[in-house]
Amino acid sequence: MDKFDVVAAIIIKDDKYFIAQRNRNKHMGLSWEFPGGKVEEGESFEIALKREIEEELNIEINIKNKLGEENYQDDKINVKLHYFICSHANKTRLGLQKMNLKIIILLKEIVIL
């Protein structure tokens, strides 16, 4: 099985992280993920990420830096995931077509009593 590159946007605003739910009819349907998609031949990671976010969410993003990458393989796919820290670039609202969307708050500290 050939490996392909996938990019994902970790969109952060006010210590909140944006996630999207995968289409129920796609591989790993209804799983929650950072939005993004497959890198097409000849595209840079950054161009692919901006294109995917525009297509999926109808917004523009600013890409700040690459956070990391990881390999994932199962019986249907073999991908290298590339994660980028991003921000929402314009005043338009995050798009609601095609996906269920959520904003999550990452706990900075867990206090055990």
N, C-alpha and C. Protein backbone atom coordinates (compact mmCIF):
# COMPACT_ATOMS: atom_id res chain seq x y z
N MET A 1 0.85 -1.17 0.00
CA MET A 1 0.00 0.00 0.00
C MET A 1 0.90 1.24 0.00
N ASP A 2 0.64 2.14 -0.94
CA ASP A 2 1.43 3.37 -1.04
C ASP A 2 1.09 4.33 0.09
N LYS A 3 2.11 5.01 0.58
CA LYS A 3 1.92 6.02 1.62
C LYS A 3 1.70 7.37 0.94
N PHE A 4 0.79 8.16 1.50
CA PHE A 4 0.61 9.52 0.99
C PHE A 4 0.58 10.50 2.16
N ASP A 5 0.83 11.77 1.83
CA ASP A 5 0.89 12.83 2.83
C ASP A 5 -0.49 13.44 3.06
N VAL A 6 -0.77 13.72 4.33
CA VAL A 6 -2.00 14.39 4.75
C VAL A 6 -1.60 15.54 5.67
N VAL A 7 -2.26 16.69 5.49
CA VAL A 7 -1.99 17.85 6.34
C VAL A 7 -3.19 18.14 7.23
N ALA A 8 -2.92 18.66 8.41
CA ALA A 8 -3.99 18.97 9.36
C ALA A 8 -3.71 20.32 10.02
N ALA A 9 -4.78 21.12 10.15
CA ALA A 9 -4.69 22.45 10.76
C ALA A 9 -5.14 22.39 12.21
N ILE A 10 -4.25 22.78 13.10
CA ILE A 10 -4.61 22.94 14.50
C ILE A 10 -4.90 24.43 14.66
N ILE A 11 -6.19 24.77 14.51
CA ILE A 11 -6.61 26.18 14.53
C ILE A 11 -6.90 26.56 15.97
N ILE A 12 -6.13 27.55 16.46
CA ILE A 12 -6.20 27.95 17.87
C ILE A 12 -6.66 29.40 17.96
N LYS A 13 -7.59 29.64 18.87
CA LYS A 13 -8.01 31.01 19.18
C LYS A 13 -8.39 31.07 20.65
N ASP A 14 -7.76 31.95 21.39
CA ASP A 14 -8.07 32.14 22.81
C ASP A 14 -8.01 30.84 23.59
N ASP A 15 -6.95 30.07 23.39
CA ASP A 15 -6.74 28.79 24.06
C ASP A 15 -7.84 27.77 23.75
N LYS A 16 -8.54 27.94 22.64
CA LYS A 16 -9.55 26.99 22.19
C LYS A 16 -9.07 26.38 20.87
N TYR A 17 -9.39 25.11 20.68
CA TYR A 17 -8.92 24.35 19.52
C TYR A 17 -10.12 23.91 18.70
N PHE A 18 -10.05 24.10 17.41
CA PHE A 18 -11.14 23.77 16.51
C PHE A 18 -10.98 22.34 16.00
N ILE A 19 -12.05 21.52 16.10
CA ILE A 19 -12.03 20.17 15.56
C ILE A 19 -13.27 19.95 14.70
N ALA A 20 -13.20 18.98 13.82
CA ALA A 20 -14.31 18.68 12.92
C ALA A 20 -14.58 17.18 12.94
N GLN A 21 -15.82 16.82 12.68
CA GLN A 21 -16.19 15.41 12.65
C GLN A 21 -16.19 14.92 11.20
N ARG A 22 -15.54 13.77 10.98
CA ARG A 22 -15.45 13.20 9.64
C ARG A 22 -16.83 12.78 9.13
N ASN A 23 -16.97 12.85 7.82
CA ASN A 23 -18.17 12.40 7.15
C ASN A 23 -18.44 10.93 7.49
N ARG A 24 -19.65 10.60 7.82
CA ARG A 24 -19.99 9.23 8.22
C ARG A 24 -19.72 8.21 7.13
N ASN A 25 -19.69 8.64 5.87
CA ASN A 25 -19.49 7.72 4.75
C ASN A 25 -18.03 7.55 4.35
N LYS A 26 -17.11 8.20 5.05
CA LYS A 26 -15.68 8.07 4.76
C LYS A 26 -15.02 7.14 5.77
N HIS A 27 -13.79 6.72 5.43
CA HIS A 27 -13.00 5.89 6.33
C HIS A 27 -12.91 6.58 7.70
N MET A 28 -13.11 5.83 8.76
CA MET A 28 -13.11 6.35 10.12
C MET A 28 -14.21 7.40 10.32
N GLY A 29 -15.34 7.18 9.65
CA GLY A 29 -16.47 8.11 9.70
C GLY A 29 -16.91 8.42 11.13
N LEU A 30 -17.29 9.66 11.34
CA LEU A 30 -17.76 10.22 12.60
C LEU A 30 -16.68 10.40 13.66
N SER A 31 -15.43 10.09 13.32
CA SER A 31 -14.32 10.38 14.23
C SER A 31 -14.07 11.89 14.24
N TRP A 32 -13.57 12.39 15.36
CA TRP A 32 -13.22 13.82 15.47
C TRP A 32 -11.76 13.98 15.10
N GLU A 33 -11.46 15.08 14.40
CA GLU A 33 -10.09 15.31 13.92
C GLU A 33 -9.83 16.79 13.74
N PHE A 34 -8.56 17.13 13.58
CA PHE A 34 -8.21 18.47 13.12
C PHE A 34 -8.46 18.48 11.62
N PRO A 35 -9.10 19.53 11.08
CA PRO A 35 -9.44 19.52 9.66
C PRO A 35 -8.20 19.60 8.76
N GLY A 36 -8.34 19.07 7.57
CA GLY A 36 -7.26 19.07 6.59
C GLY A 36 -7.55 18.06 5.52
N GLY A 37 -6.50 17.53 4.90
CA GLY A 37 -6.72 16.55 3.85
C GLY A 37 -5.45 16.17 3.12
N LYS A 38 -5.66 15.46 2.03
CA LYS A 38 -4.57 14.89 1.24
C LYS A 38 -3.81 15.95 0.46
N VAL A 39 -2.49 15.80 0.42
CA VAL A 39 -1.63 16.67 -0.37
C VAL A 39 -1.62 16.13 -1.80
N GLU A 40 -1.96 16.99 -2.75
CA GLU A 40 -1.96 16.59 -4.16
C GLU A 40 -0.54 16.67 -4.72
N GLU A 41 -0.30 15.94 -5.78
CA GLU A 41 1.02 15.92 -6.42
C GLU A 41 1.43 17.33 -6.82
N GLY A 42 2.65 17.70 -6.45
CA GLY A 42 3.20 19.01 -6.79
C GLY A 42 2.85 20.11 -5.81
N GLU A 43 2.00 19.86 -4.83
CA GLU A 43 1.63 20.87 -3.83
C GLU A 43 2.61 20.86 -2.67
N SER A 44 2.88 22.03 -2.12
CA SER A 44 3.59 22.09 -0.84
C SER A 44 2.57 21.76 0.25
N PHE A 45 3.07 21.42 1.43
CA PHE A 45 2.17 21.14 2.55
C PHE A 45 1.30 22.36 2.86
N GLU A 46 1.91 23.53 2.85
CA GLU A 46 1.20 24.76 3.20
C GLU A 46 0.10 25.08 2.19
N ILE A 47 0.38 24.96 0.91
CA ILE A 47 -0.63 25.22 -0.12
C ILE A 47 -1.76 24.21 -0.01
N ALA A 48 -1.42 22.94 0.20
CA ALA A 48 -2.45 21.90 0.35
C ALA A 48 -3.34 22.18 1.55
N LEU A 49 -2.74 22.60 2.66
CA LEU A 49 -3.52 22.86 3.87
C LEU A 49 -4.47 24.04 3.66
N LYS A 50 -3.98 25.11 3.07
CA LYS A 50 -4.85 26.27 2.80
C LYS A 50 -5.99 25.89 1.86
N ARG A 51 -5.69 25.09 0.83
CA ARG A 51 -6.72 24.65 -0.11
C ARG A 51 -7.78 23.80 0.59
N GLU A 52 -7.33 22.82 1.37
CA GLU A 52 -8.26 21.93 2.06
C GLU A 52 -9.16 22.68 3.03
N ILE A 53 -8.61 23.61 3.77
CA ILE A 53 -9.41 24.37 4.74
C ILE A 53 -10.40 25.28 4.02
N GLU A 54 -9.98 25.87 2.93
CA GLU A 54 -10.90 26.69 2.12
C GLU A 54 -12.05 25.82 1.59
N GLU A 55 -11.73 24.63 1.09
CA GLU A 55 -12.76 23.73 0.55
C GLU A 55 -13.70 23.22 1.63
N GLU A 56 -13.17 22.82 2.78
CA GLU A 56 -13.97 22.20 3.83
C GLU A 56 -14.73 23.21 4.68
N LEU A 57 -14.08 24.33 5.00
CA LEU A 57 -14.64 25.26 5.99
C LEU A 57 -14.98 26.63 5.43
N ASN A 58 -14.52 26.90 4.20
CA ASN A 58 -14.77 28.19 3.56
C ASN A 58 -14.17 29.36 4.35
N ILE A 59 -12.99 29.13 4.90
CA ILE A 59 -12.26 30.20 5.59
C ILE A 59 -10.81 30.19 5.12
N GLU A 60 -10.13 31.30 5.41
CA GLU A 60 -8.69 31.37 5.17
C GLU A 60 -7.98 31.21 6.51
N ILE A 61 -6.80 30.61 6.46
CA ILE A 61 -6.01 30.44 7.67
C ILE A 61 -4.62 31.05 7.48
N ASN A 62 -4.02 31.41 8.60
CA ASN A 62 -2.60 31.76 8.64
C ASN A 62 -1.88 30.56 9.23
N ILE A 63 -0.86 30.10 8.55
CA ILE A 63 -0.07 28.97 9.05
C ILE A 63 1.12 29.54 9.80
N LYS A 64 1.23 29.19 11.07
CA LYS A 64 2.31 29.74 11.90
C LYS A 64 3.55 28.86 11.84
N ASN A 65 3.42 27.57 12.13
CA ASN A 65 4.58 26.67 12.07
C ASN A 65 4.12 25.22 12.07
N LYS A 66 5.02 24.35 11.67
CA LYS A 66 4.73 22.93 11.70
C LYS A 66 4.99 22.42 13.11
N LEU A 67 4.00 21.73 13.66
CA LEU A 67 4.13 21.19 15.02
C LEU A 67 4.83 19.84 15.02
N GLY A 68 4.49 19.00 14.06
CA GLY A 68 5.09 17.68 14.02
C GLY A 68 4.45 16.82 12.95
N GLU A 69 4.85 15.56 12.94
CA GLU A 69 4.30 14.62 11.97
C GLU A 69 4.30 13.23 12.60
N GLU A 70 3.45 12.37 12.05
CA GLU A 70 3.39 10.99 12.51
C GLU A 70 2.89 10.11 11.37
N ASN A 71 3.23 8.85 11.44
CA ASN A 71 2.77 7.87 10.47
C ASN A 71 1.57 7.14 11.04
N TYR A 72 0.61 6.83 10.15
CA TYR A 72 -0.55 6.04 10.55
C TYR A 72 -0.85 5.06 9.43
N GLN A 73 -1.06 3.80 9.80
CA GLN A 73 -1.43 2.79 8.82
C GLN A 73 -2.43 1.84 9.44
N ASP A 74 -3.45 1.48 8.66
CA ASP A 74 -4.37 0.42 9.03
C ASP A 74 -4.64 -0.41 7.78
N ASP A 75 -5.68 -1.19 7.78
CA ASP A 75 -5.93 -2.06 6.63
C ASP A 75 -6.43 -1.32 5.39
N LYS A 76 -6.76 -0.02 5.52
CA LYS A 76 -7.28 0.73 4.38
C LYS A 76 -6.41 1.90 3.94
N ILE A 77 -5.62 2.46 4.84
CA ILE A 77 -4.80 3.63 4.48
C ILE A 77 -3.40 3.53 5.07
N ASN A 78 -2.50 4.28 4.46
CA ASN A 78 -1.13 4.41 4.93
C ASN A 78 -0.73 5.86 4.69
N VAL A 79 -0.67 6.65 5.75
CA VAL A 79 -0.45 8.09 5.60
C VAL A 79 0.65 8.60 6.52
N LYS A 80 1.22 9.71 6.11
CA LYS A 80 2.09 10.50 6.98
C LYS A 80 1.33 11.79 7.24
N LEU A 81 0.97 12.02 8.51
CA LEU A 81 0.21 13.19 8.92
C LEU A 81 1.15 14.31 9.32
N HIS A 82 0.90 15.50 8.79
CA HIS A 82 1.71 16.69 9.08
C HIS A 82 0.79 17.71 9.76
N TYR A 83 1.12 18.07 11.00
CA TYR A 83 0.30 18.98 11.80
C TYR A 83 0.88 20.38 11.81
N PHE A 84 0.01 21.38 11.58
CA PHE A 84 0.45 22.77 11.54
C PHE A 84 -0.39 23.61 12.50
N ILE A 85 0.28 24.46 13.27
CA ILE A 85 -0.40 25.43 14.13
C ILE A 85 -0.88 26.57 13.23
N CYS A 86 -2.17 26.90 13.35
CA CYS A 86 -2.78 27.90 12.47
C CYS A 86 -3.69 28.83 13.25
N SER A 87 -4.06 29.93 12.59
CA SER A 87 -5.08 30.82 13.13
C SER A 87 -6.05 31.16 12.00
N HIS A 88 -7.23 31.58 12.39
CA HIS A 88 -8.27 31.99 11.45
C HIS A 88 -7.86 33.35 10.91
N ALA A 89 -7.78 33.50 9.57
CA ALA A 89 -7.18 34.69 8.98
C ALA A 89 -8.14 35.83 8.71
N ASN A 90 -9.43 35.58 8.72
CA ASN A 90 -10.34 36.66 8.37
C ASN A 90 -11.53 36.69 9.31
N LYS A 91 -12.41 37.63 9.07
CA LYS A 91 -13.52 37.87 9.99
C LYS A 91 -14.73 36.98 9.71
N THR A 92 -14.69 36.19 8.65
CA THR A 92 -15.84 35.32 8.36
C THR A 92 -15.96 34.25 9.43
N ARG A 93 -17.18 33.79 9.63
CA ARG A 93 -17.41 32.72 10.61
C ARG A 93 -16.91 31.41 10.06
N LEU A 94 -16.52 30.52 10.95
CA LEU A 94 -16.12 29.19 10.52
C LEU A 94 -17.29 28.51 9.83
N GLY A 95 -17.02 27.93 8.65
CA GLY A 95 -18.06 27.32 7.83
C GLY A 95 -18.71 26.13 8.51
N LEU A 96 -19.97 25.90 8.24
CA LEU A 96 -20.69 24.81 8.86
C LEU A 96 -21.18 23.78 7.84
N GLN A 97 -20.75 23.91 6.58
CA GLN A 97 -21.18 22.94 5.59
C GLN A 97 -20.32 21.69 5.65
N LYS A 98 -20.88 20.56 5.28
CA LYS A 98 -20.19 19.29 5.13
C LYS A 98 -19.80 18.61 6.42
N MET A 99 -19.70 19.29 7.54
CA MET A 99 -19.14 18.70 8.74
C MET A 99 -19.86 19.18 9.99
N ASN A 100 -19.78 18.37 11.03
CA ASN A 100 -20.11 18.85 12.36
C ASN A 100 -18.83 19.46 12.91
N LEU A 101 -18.95 20.60 13.56
CA LEU A 101 -17.78 21.32 14.04
C LEU A 101 -17.91 21.60 15.53
N LYS A 102 -16.78 21.64 16.19
CA LYS A 102 -16.77 21.97 17.63
C LYS A 102 -15.53 22.77 17.95
N ILE A 103 -15.64 23.56 18.97
CA ILE A 103 -14.50 24.23 19.56
C ILE A 103 -14.27 23.52 20.90
N ILE A 104 -13.03 23.11 21.14
CA ILE A 104 -12.73 22.47 22.42
C ILE A 104 -11.74 23.32 23.19
N ILE A 105 -11.77 23.18 24.48
CA ILE A 105 -10.83 23.88 25.35
C ILE A 105 -9.86 22.84 25.90
N LEU A 106 -8.61 23.08 25.67
CA LEU A 106 -7.58 22.18 26.20
C LEU A 106 -7.27 22.62 27.61
N LEU A 107 -7.38 21.68 28.55
CA LEU A 107 -7.07 22.00 29.93
C LEU A 107 -5.57 22.23 30.07
N LYS A 108 -5.20 23.34 30.64
CA LYS A 108 -3.79 23.64 30.83
C LYS A 108 -3.26 22.97 32.08
N GLU A 109 -4.14 22.70 33.02
CA GLU A 109 -3.69 22.14 34.28
C GLU A 109 -4.80 21.28 34.87
N ILE A 110 -4.45 20.14 35.34
CA ILE A 110 -5.41 19.29 36.02
C ILE A 110 -5.06 19.27 37.49
N VAL A 111 -6.00 19.63 38.31
CA VAL A 111 -5.77 19.66 39.75
C VAL A 111 -6.42 18.43 40.38
N ILE A 112 -5.66 17.66 41.11
CA ILE A 112 -6.19 16.49 41.79
C ILE A 112 -6.29 16.84 43.27
N LEU A 113 -7.51 16.71 43.79
CA LEU A 113 -7.73 17.05 45.20
C LEU A 113 -7.59 15.83 46.08
